[in-house]
């Protein structure tokens, strides 16, 4: 699975469950801006937080692993419009 397909799956699950970024952030215990950044493929998170989000959104293992990877510029295409690419990881 590509990062962009993972992002689309995440956005679809978020919409289907009627969740806001704040709802998801509350489940993880993080700030909504950071959670949105991770789920839009611009940042990464630790395995525990990724597993919590996977449980909440019903994500598969492959998508959960993508949440833990450091995004690189080459992983983005025009499928999901973004600003500047991320160059840092946690």
PDB file of N, CA and C in Angstrom:
ATOM      1  N   UNK A   1       0.850  -1.184   0.000  1.00  0.00           N
ATOM      2  CA  UNK A   1       0.000   0.000   0.000  1.00  0.00           C
ATOM      3  C   UNK A   1       0.888   1.237   0.000  1.00  0.00           C
ATOM      4  N   UNK A   2       0.503   2.228  -0.769  1.00  0.00           N
ATOM      5  CA  UNK A   2       1.241   3.485  -0.783  1.00  0.00           C
ATOM      6  C   UNK A   2       0.725   4.391   0.332  1.00  0.00           C
ATOM      7  N   UNK A   3       1.524   5.389   0.658  1.00  0.00           N
ATOM      8  CA  UNK A   3       1.116   6.359   1.682  1.00  0.00           C
ATOM      9  C   UNK A   3      -0.176   7.057   1.262  1.00  0.00           C
ATOM     10  N   UNK A   4      -0.302   7.391  -0.001  1.00  0.00           N
ATOM     11  CA  UNK A   4      -1.513   8.080  -0.461  1.00  0.00           C
ATOM     12  C   UNK A   4      -2.753   7.205  -0.349  1.00  0.00           C
ATOM     13  N   UNK A   5      -2.630   5.909  -0.639  1.00  0.00           N
ATOM     14  CA  UNK A   5      -3.775   5.006  -0.469  1.00  0.00           C
ATOM     15  C   UNK A   5      -4.133   4.875   1.003  1.00  0.00           C
ATOM     16  N   UNK A   6      -3.116   4.871   1.858  1.00  0.00           N
ATOM     17  CA  UNK A   6      -3.368   4.810   3.296  1.00  0.00           C
ATOM     18  C   UNK A   6      -4.120   6.061   3.756  1.00  0.00           C
ATOM     19  N   UNK A   7      -3.695   7.217   3.271  1.00  0.00           N
ATOM     20  CA  UNK A   7      -4.366   8.471   3.628  1.00  0.00           C
ATOM     21  C   UNK A   7      -5.831   8.430   3.191  1.00  0.00           C
ATOM     22  N   UNK A   8      -6.074   7.970   1.991  1.00  0.00           N
ATOM     23  CA  UNK A   8      -7.457   7.891   1.508  1.00  0.00           C
ATOM     24  C   UNK A   8      -8.284   6.929   2.362  1.00  0.00           C
ATOM     25  N   UNK A   9      -7.705   5.802   2.765  1.00  0.00           N
ATOM     26  CA  UNK A   9      -8.407   4.847   3.628  1.00  0.00           C
ATOM     27  C   UNK A   9      -8.702   5.469   4.990  1.00  0.00           C
ATOM     28  N   UNK A  10      -7.753   6.210   5.518  1.00  0.00           N
ATOM     29  CA  UNK A  10      -7.941   6.884   6.807  1.00  0.00           C
ATOM     30  C   UNK A  10      -9.058   7.911   6.715  1.00  0.00           C
ATOM     31  N   UNK A  11      -9.034   8.729   5.682  1.00  0.00           N
ATOM     32  CA  UNK A  11     -10.073   9.752   5.525  1.00  0.00           C
ATOM     33  C   UNK A  11     -11.455   9.133   5.333  1.00  0.00           C
ATOM     34  N   UNK A  12     -11.515   8.040   4.604  1.00  0.00           N
ATOM     35  CA  UNK A  12     -12.792   7.349   4.416  1.00  0.00           C
ATOM     36  C   UNK A  12     -13.307   6.793   5.742  1.00  0.00           C
ATOM     37  N   UNK A  13     -12.425   6.172   6.520  1.00  0.00           N
ATOM     38  CA  UNK A  13     -12.829   5.620   7.818  1.00  0.00           C
ATOM     39  C   UNK A  13     -13.265   6.733   8.767  1.00  0.00           C
ATOM     40  N   UNK A  14     -12.545   7.843   8.765  1.00  0.00           N
ATOM     41  CA  UNK A  14     -12.900   8.991   9.610  1.00  0.00           C
ATOM     42  C   UNK A  14     -14.301   9.489   9.259  1.00  0.00           C
ATOM     43  N   UNK A  15     -14.560   9.607   7.976  1.00  0.00           N
ATOM     44  CA  UNK A  15     -15.872  10.084   7.521  1.00  0.00           C
ATOM     45  C   UNK A  15     -16.970   9.085   7.870  1.00  0.00           C
ATOM     46  N   UNK A  16     -16.729   7.804   7.601  1.00  0.00           N
ATOM     47  CA  UNK A  16     -17.737   6.770   7.882  1.00  0.00           C
ATOM     48  C   UNK A  16     -18.115   6.722   9.355  1.00  0.00           C
ATOM     49  N   UNK A  17     -17.130   6.953  10.224  1.00  0.00           N
ATOM     50  CA  UNK A  17     -17.385   6.890  11.665  1.00  0.00           C
ATOM     51  C   UNK A  17     -17.846   8.225  12.232  1.00  0.00           C
ATOM     52  N   UNK A  18     -17.855   9.263  11.390  1.00  0.00           N
ATOM     53  CA  UNK A  18     -18.317  10.577  11.839  1.00  0.00           C
ATOM     54  C   UNK A  18     -17.419  11.211  12.888  1.00  0.00           C
ATOM     55  N   UNK A  19     -16.123  10.954  12.799  1.00  0.00           N
ATOM     56  CA  UNK A  19     -15.179  11.467  13.788  1.00  0.00           C
ATOM     57  C   UNK A  19     -14.535  12.768  13.320  1.00  0.00           C
ATOM     58  N   UNK A  20     -14.217  13.616  14.269  1.00  0.00           N
ATOM     59  CA  UNK A  20     -13.465  14.834  13.992  1.00  0.00           C
ATOM     60  C   UNK A  20     -12.003  14.578  14.329  1.00  0.00           C
ATOM     61  N   UNK A  21     -11.128  15.501  13.907  1.00  0.00           N
ATOM     62  CA  UNK A  21      -9.712  15.372  14.287  1.00  0.00           C
ATOM     63  C   UNK A  21      -9.586  15.404  15.806  1.00  0.00           C
ATOM     64  N   UNK A  22     -10.406  16.217  16.447  1.00  0.00           N
ATOM     65  CA  UNK A  22     -10.360  16.308  17.907  1.00  0.00           C
ATOM     66  C   UNK A  22     -10.792  14.998  18.565  1.00  0.00           C
ATOM     67  N   UNK A  23     -11.811  14.340  18.024  1.00  0.00           N
ATOM     68  CA  UNK A  23     -12.239  13.038  18.553  1.00  0.00           C
ATOM     69  C   UNK A  23     -11.088  12.040  18.504  1.00  0.00           C
ATOM     70  N   UNK A  24     -10.413  12.004  17.378  1.00  0.00           N
ATOM     71  CA  UNK A  24      -9.308  11.060  17.196  1.00  0.00           C
ATOM     72  C   UNK A  24      -8.147  11.428  18.119  1.00  0.00           C
ATOM     73  N   UNK A  25      -7.844  12.720  18.228  1.00  0.00           N
ATOM     74  CA  UNK A  25      -6.766  13.177  19.111  1.00  0.00           C
ATOM     75  C   UNK A  25      -7.054  12.805  20.563  1.00  0.00           C
ATOM     76  N   UNK A  26      -8.299  12.949  20.974  1.00  0.00           N
ATOM     77  CA  UNK A  26      -8.675  12.581  22.344  1.00  0.00           C
ATOM     78  C   UNK A  26      -8.441  11.104  22.607  1.00  0.00           C
ATOM     79  N   UNK A  27      -8.706  10.270  21.620  1.00  0.00           N
ATOM     80  CA  UNK A  27      -8.502   8.826  21.774  1.00  0.00           C
ATOM     81  C   UNK A  27      -7.031   8.466  21.921  1.00  0.00           C
ATOM     82  N   UNK A  28      -6.157   9.271  21.296  1.00  0.00           N
ATOM     83  CA  UNK A  28      -4.722   9.021  21.349  1.00  0.00           C
ATOM     84  C   UNK A  28      -4.076   9.775  22.507  1.00  0.00           C
ATOM     85  N   UNK A  29      -4.686  10.879  22.910  1.00  0.00           N
ATOM     86  CA  UNK A  29      -4.088  11.700  23.948  1.00  0.00           C
ATOM     87  C   UNK A  29      -3.085  12.692  23.388  1.00  0.00           C
ATOM     88  N   UNK A  30      -3.280  13.081  22.124  1.00  0.00           N
ATOM     89  CA  UNK A  30      -2.387  14.049  21.487  1.00  0.00           C
ATOM     90  C   UNK A  30      -3.175  15.258  21.018  1.00  0.00           C
ATOM     91  N   UNK A  31      -2.467  16.224  20.493  1.00  0.00           N
ATOM     92  CA  UNK A  31      -3.104  17.433  19.975  1.00  0.00           C
ATOM     93  C   UNK A  31      -3.713  17.152  18.605  1.00  0.00           C
ATOM     94  N   UNK A  32      -4.844  17.777  18.318  1.00  0.00           N
ATOM     95  CA  UNK A  32      -5.542  17.501  17.061  1.00  0.00           C
ATOM     96  C   UNK A  32      -4.724  17.898  15.830  1.00  0.00           C
ATOM     97  N   UNK A  33      -3.887  18.922  15.934  1.00  0.00           N
ATOM     98  CA  UNK A  33      -3.069  19.317  14.791  1.00  0.00           C
ATOM     99  C   UNK A  33      -2.030  18.246  14.491  1.00  0.00           C
ATOM    100  N   UNK A  34      -1.403  17.713  15.530  1.00  0.00           N
ATOM    101  CA  UNK A  34      -0.418  16.648  15.339  1.00  0.00           C
ATOM    102  C   UNK A  34      -1.080  15.397  14.765  1.00  0.00           C
ATOM    103  N   UNK A  35      -2.225  15.011  15.313  1.00  0.00           N
ATOM    104  CA  UNK A  35      -2.926  13.820  14.829  1.00  0.00           C
ATOM    105  C   UNK A  35      -3.325  13.998  13.368  1.00  0.00           C
ATOM    106  N   UNK A  36      -3.854  15.147  13.028  1.00  0.00           N
ATOM    107  CA  UNK A  36      -4.217  15.402  11.631  1.00  0.00           C
ATOM    108  C   UNK A  36      -2.979  15.339  10.741  1.00  0.00           C
ATOM    109  N   UNK A  37      -1.874  15.877  11.212  1.00  0.00           N
ATOM    110  CA  UNK A  37      -0.629  15.848  10.449  1.00  0.00           C
ATOM    111  C   UNK A  37      -0.181  14.418  10.178  1.00  0.00           C
ATOM    112  N   UNK A  38      -0.267  13.572  11.189  1.00  0.00           N
ATOM    113  CA  UNK A  38       0.111  12.164  11.014  1.00  0.00           C
ATOM    114  C   UNK A  38      -0.838  11.477  10.048  1.00  0.00           C
ATOM    115  N   UNK A  39      -2.136  11.640  10.259  1.00  0.00           N
ATOM    116  CA  UNK A  39      -3.117  10.928   9.458  1.00  0.00           C
ATOM    117  C   UNK A  39      -3.198  11.435   8.026  1.00  0.00           C
ATOM    118  N   UNK A  40      -2.672  12.619   7.784  1.00  0.00           N
ATOM    119  CA  UNK A  40      -2.588  13.144   6.416  1.00  0.00           C
ATOM    120  C   UNK A  40      -1.221  12.869   5.804  1.00  0.00           C
ATOM    121  N   UNK A  41      -0.407  12.070   6.500  1.00  0.00           N
ATOM    122  CA  UNK A  41       0.856  11.614   5.946  1.00  0.00           C
ATOM    123  C   UNK A  41       2.018  12.567   6.069  1.00  0.00           C
ATOM    124  N   UNK A  42       1.904  13.587   6.895  1.00  0.00           N
ATOM    125  CA  UNK A  42       2.959  14.598   7.003  1.00  0.00           C
ATOM    126  C   UNK A  42       3.866  14.390   8.204  1.00  0.00           C
ATOM    127  N   UNK A  43       3.576  13.438   9.055  1.00  0.00           N
ATOM    128  CA  UNK A  43       4.352  13.183  10.260  1.00  0.00           C
ATOM    129  C   UNK A  43       4.206  11.700  10.579  1.00  0.00           C
ATOM    130  N   UNK A  44       4.805  11.255  11.658  1.00  0.00           N
ATOM    131  CA  UNK A  44       4.669   9.859  12.056  1.00  0.00           C
ATOM    132  C   UNK A  44       4.368   9.768  13.549  1.00  0.00           C
ATOM    133  N   UNK A  45       4.055   8.558  14.021  1.00  0.00           N
ATOM    134  CA  UNK A  45       3.756   8.354  15.433  1.00  0.00           C
ATOM    135  C   UNK A  45       4.324   7.028  15.895  1.00  0.00           C
ATOM    136  N   UNK A  46       4.341   6.835  17.209  1.00  0.00           N
ATOM    137  CA  UNK A  46       4.875   5.597  17.772  1.00  0.00           C
ATOM    138  C   UNK A  46       3.879   4.451  17.586  1.00  0.00           C
ATOM    139  N   UNK A  47       4.345   3.219  17.740  1.00  0.00           N
ATOM    140  CA  UNK A  47       3.468   2.053  17.513  1.00  0.00           C
ATOM    141  C   UNK A  47       2.232   2.016  18.404  1.00  0.00           C
ATOM    142  N   UNK A  48       2.369   2.442  19.649  1.00  0.00           N
ATOM    143  CA  UNK A  48       1.224   2.400  20.566  1.00  0.00           C
ATOM    144  C   UNK A  48       0.110   3.334  20.108  1.00  0.00           C
ATOM    145  N   UNK A  49       0.477   4.555  19.732  1.00  0.00           N
ATOM    146  CA  UNK A  49      -0.529   5.508  19.242  1.00  0.00           C
ATOM    147  C   UNK A  49      -1.125   5.042  17.917  1.00  0.00           C
ATOM    148  N   UNK A  50      -0.283   4.499  17.047  1.00  0.00           N
ATOM    149  CA  UNK A  50      -0.777   3.986  15.761  1.00  0.00           C
ATOM    150  C   UNK A  50      -1.780   2.856  15.985  1.00  0.00           C
ATOM    151  N   UNK A  51      -1.500   1.988  16.951  1.00  0.00           N
ATOM    152  CA  UNK A  51      -2.430   0.896  17.255  1.00  0.00           C
ATOM    153  C   UNK A  51      -3.751   1.425  17.810  1.00  0.00           C
ATOM    154  N   UNK A  52      -3.692   2.463  18.646  1.00  0.00           N
ATOM    155  CA  UNK A  52      -4.929   3.059  19.172  1.00  0.00           C
ATOM    156  C   UNK A  52      -5.785   3.630  18.038  1.00  0.00           C
ATOM    157  N   UNK A  53      -5.151   4.338  17.134  1.00  0.00           N
ATOM    158  CA  UNK A  53      -5.884   4.916  15.999  1.00  0.00           C
ATOM    159  C   UNK A  53      -6.414   3.813  15.092  1.00  0.00           C
ATOM    160  N   UNK A  54      -5.617   2.783  14.884  1.00  0.00           N
ATOM    161  CA  UNK A  54      -6.066   1.652  14.054  1.00  0.00           C
ATOM    162  C   UNK A  54      -7.319   1.022  14.643  1.00  0.00           C
ATOM    163  N   UNK A  55      -7.343   0.855  15.952  1.00  0.00           N
ATOM    164  CA  UNK A  55      -8.520   0.292  16.607  1.00  0.00           C
ATOM    165  C   UNK A  55      -9.735   1.193  16.468  1.00  0.00           C
ATOM    166  N   UNK A  56      -9.516   2.485  16.634  1.00  0.00           N
ATOM    167  CA  UNK A  56     -10.610   3.450  16.537  1.00  0.00           C
ATOM    168  C   UNK A  56     -11.180   3.519  15.127  1.00  0.00           C
ATOM    169  N   UNK A  57     -10.299   3.527  14.125  1.00  0.00           N
ATOM    170  CA  UNK A  57     -10.740   3.685  12.738  1.00  0.00           C
ATOM    171  C   UNK A  57     -10.918   2.367  11.996  1.00  0.00           C
ATOM    172  N   UNK A  58     -10.495   1.253  12.603  1.00  0.00           N
ATOM    173  CA  UNK A  58     -10.601  -0.035  11.927  1.00  0.00           C
ATOM    174  C   UNK A  58      -9.601  -0.181  10.799  1.00  0.00           C
ATOM    175  N   UNK A  59      -8.370   0.302  11.018  1.00  0.00           N
ATOM    176  CA  UNK A  59      -7.341   0.251   9.986  1.00  0.00           C
ATOM    177  C   UNK A  59      -6.620  -1.093   9.997  1.00  0.00           C
ATOM    178  N   UNK A  60      -6.150  -1.504   8.834  1.00  0.00           N
ATOM    179  CA  UNK A  60      -5.407  -2.757   8.744  1.00  0.00           C
ATOM    180  C   UNK A  60      -3.951  -2.543   9.177  1.00  0.00           C
ATOM    181  N   UNK A  61      -3.214  -3.636   9.328  1.00  0.00           N
ATOM    182  CA  UNK A  61      -1.828  -3.602   9.800  1.00  0.00           C
ATOM    183  C   UNK A  61      -0.936  -2.771   8.868  1.00  0.00           C
ATOM    184  N   UNK A  62      -1.112  -2.897   7.572  1.00  0.00           N
ATOM    185  CA  UNK A  62      -0.276  -2.175   6.623  1.00  0.00           C
ATOM    186  C   UNK A  62      -0.446  -0.651   6.769  1.00  0.00           C
ATOM    187  N   UNK A  63      -1.676  -0.210   6.933  1.00  0.00           N
ATOM    188  CA  UNK A  63      -1.935   1.212   7.130  1.00  0.00           C
ATOM    189  C   UNK A  63      -1.360   1.678   8.464  1.00  0.00           C
ATOM    190  N   UNK A  64      -1.488   0.854   9.490  1.00  0.00           N
ATOM    191  CA  UNK A  64      -0.942   1.182  10.802  1.00  0.00           C
ATOM    192  C   UNK A  64       0.574   1.337  10.740  1.00  0.00           C
ATOM    193  N   UNK A  65       1.231   0.489   9.980  1.00  0.00           N
ATOM    194  CA  UNK A  65       2.688   0.588   9.832  1.00  0.00           C
ATOM    195  C   UNK A  65       3.088   1.866   9.098  1.00  0.00           C
ATOM    196  N   UNK A  66       2.295   2.290   8.135  1.00  0.00           N
ATOM    197  CA  UNK A  66       2.588   3.530   7.413  1.00  0.00           C
ATOM    198  C   UNK A  66       2.530   4.730   8.351  1.00  0.00           C
ATOM    199  N   UNK A  67       1.633   4.698   9.346  1.00  0.00           N
ATOM    200  CA  UNK A  67       1.547   5.790  10.314  1.00  0.00           C
ATOM    201  C   UNK A  67       2.841   5.944  11.120  1.00  0.00           C
ATOM    202  N   UNK A  68       3.620   4.881  11.195  1.00  0.00           N
ATOM    203  CA  UNK A  68       4.849   4.893  11.982  1.00  0.00           C
ATOM    204  C   UNK A  68       6.081   5.256  11.159  1.00  0.00           C
ATOM    205  N   UNK A  69       5.949   5.302   9.846  1.00  0.00           N
ATOM    206  CA  UNK A  69       7.076   5.594   8.974  1.00  0.00           C
ATOM    207  C   UNK A  69       7.284   7.095   8.827  1.00  0.00           C
ATOM    208  N   UNK A  70       8.539   7.483   8.728  1.00  0.00           N
ATOM    209  CA  UNK A  70       8.878   8.877   8.491  1.00  0.00           C
ATOM    210  C   UNK A  70       8.526   9.218   7.037  1.00  0.00           C
ATOM    211  N   UNK A  71       7.683  10.216   6.809  1.00  0.00           N
ATOM    212  CA  UNK A  71       7.339  10.582   5.430  1.00  0.00           C
ATOM    213  C   UNK A  71       8.534  11.219   4.723  1.00  0.00           C
ATOM    214  N   UNK A  72       8.667  10.905   3.463  1.00  0.00           N
ATOM    215  CA  UNK A  72       9.702  11.517   2.637  1.00  0.00           C
ATOM    216  C   UNK A  72       9.029  12.134   1.420  1.00  0.00           C
ATOM    217  N   UNK A  73       9.671  13.108   0.843  1.00  0.00           N
ATOM    218  CA  UNK A  73       9.066  13.854  -0.263  1.00  0.00           C
ATOM    219  C   UNK A  73       8.607  12.951  -1.399  1.00  0.00           C
ATOM    220  N   UNK A  74       9.378  11.919  -1.707  1.00  0.00           N
ATOM    221  CA  UNK A  74       9.044  11.044  -2.832  1.00  0.00           C
ATOM    222  C   UNK A  74       7.768  10.239  -2.599  1.00  0.00           C
ATOM    223  N   UNK A  75       7.291  10.166  -1.348  1.00  0.00           N
ATOM    224  CA  UNK A  75       6.107   9.359  -1.068  1.00  0.00           C
ATOM    225  C   UNK A  75       4.801  10.085  -1.375  1.00  0.00           C
ATOM    226  N   UNK A  76       4.883  11.333  -1.834  1.00  0.00           N
ATOM    227  CA  UNK A  76       3.681  12.103  -2.105  1.00  0.00           C
ATOM    228  C   UNK A  76       3.452  12.245  -3.603  1.00  0.00           C
ATOM    229  N   UNK A  77       2.206  12.218  -3.997  1.00  0.00           N
ATOM    230  CA  UNK A  77       1.854  12.516  -5.374  1.00  0.00           C
ATOM    231  C   UNK A  77       0.669  13.471  -5.349  1.00  0.00           C
ATOM    232  N   UNK A  78      -0.001  13.660  -6.441  1.00  0.00           N
ATOM    233  CA  UNK A  78      -1.088  14.630  -6.511  1.00  0.00           C
ATOM    234  C   UNK A  78      -2.434  14.098  -6.045  1.00  0.00           C
ATOM    235  N   UNK A  79      -2.485  12.853  -5.558  1.00  0.00           N
ATOM    236  CA  UNK A  79      -3.744  12.277  -5.102  1.00  0.00           C
ATOM    237  C   UNK A  79      -4.304  13.044  -3.912  1.00  0.00           C
ATOM    238  N   UNK A  80      -3.441  13.359  -2.966  1.00  0.00           N
ATOM    239  CA  UNK A  80      -3.851  14.090  -1.777  1.00  0.00           C
ATOM    240  C   UNK A  80      -3.102  15.417  -1.783  1.00  0.00           C
ATOM    241  N   UNK A  81      -3.786  16.534  -2.021  1.00  0.00           N
ATOM    242  CA  UNK A  81      -3.098  17.819  -2.095  1.00  0.00           C
ATOM    243  C   UNK A  81      -2.488  18.197  -0.746  1.00  0.00           C
ATOM    244  N   UNK A  82      -1.245  18.632  -0.774  1.00  0.00           N
ATOM    245  CA  UNK A  82      -0.530  18.984   0.440  1.00  0.00           C
ATOM    246  C   UNK A  82       0.300  20.226   0.207  1.00  0.00           C
ATOM    247  N   UNK A  83       0.778  20.796   1.286  1.00  0.00           N
ATOM    248  CA  UNK A  83       1.720  21.902   1.219  1.00  0.00           C
ATOM    249  C   UNK A  83       3.128  21.347   1.159  1.00  0.00           C
ATOM    250  N   UNK A  84       4.028  21.967   1.880  1.00  0.00           N
ATOM    251  CA  UNK A  84       5.414  21.533   1.898  1.00  0.00           C
ATOM    252  C   UNK A  84       5.535  20.122   2.470  1.00  0.00           C
ATOM    253  N   UNK A  85       6.419  19.294   1.937  1.00  0.00           N
ATOM    254  CA  UNK A  85       6.606  17.953   2.481  1.00  0.00           C
ATOM    255  C   UNK A  85       7.313  17.971   3.831  1.00  0.00           C
ATOM    256  N   UNK A  86       7.061  16.970   4.614  1.00  0.00           N
ATOM    257  CA  UNK A  86       7.666  16.855   5.935  1.00  0.00           C
ATOM    258  C   UNK A  86       9.089  16.326   5.816  1.00  0.00           C
ATOM    259  N   UNK A  87       9.948  16.809   6.666  1.00  0.00           N
ATOM    260  CA  UNK A  87      11.334  16.354   6.659  1.00  0.00           C
ATOM    261  C   UNK A  87      11.801  15.935   8.050  1.00  0.00           C
ATOM    262  N   UNK A  88      10.888  15.757   8.958  1.00  0.00           N
ATOM    263  CA  UNK A  88      11.279  15.394  10.313  1.00  0.00           C
ATOM    264  C   UNK A  88      10.450  14.212  10.784  1.00  0.00           C
ATOM    265  N   UNK A  89      10.966  13.546  11.742  1.00  0.00           N
ATOM    266  CA  UNK A  89      10.259  12.409  12.334  1.00  0.00           C
ATOM    267  C   UNK A  89      10.416  12.442  13.846  1.00  0.00           C
ATOM    268  N   UNK A  90       9.525  11.770  14.511  1.00  0.00           N
ATOM    269  CA  UNK A  90       9.604  11.647  15.967  1.00  0.00           C
ATOM    270  C   UNK A  90      10.377  10.423  16.319  1.00  0.00           C
TER     271      UNK A  90
END
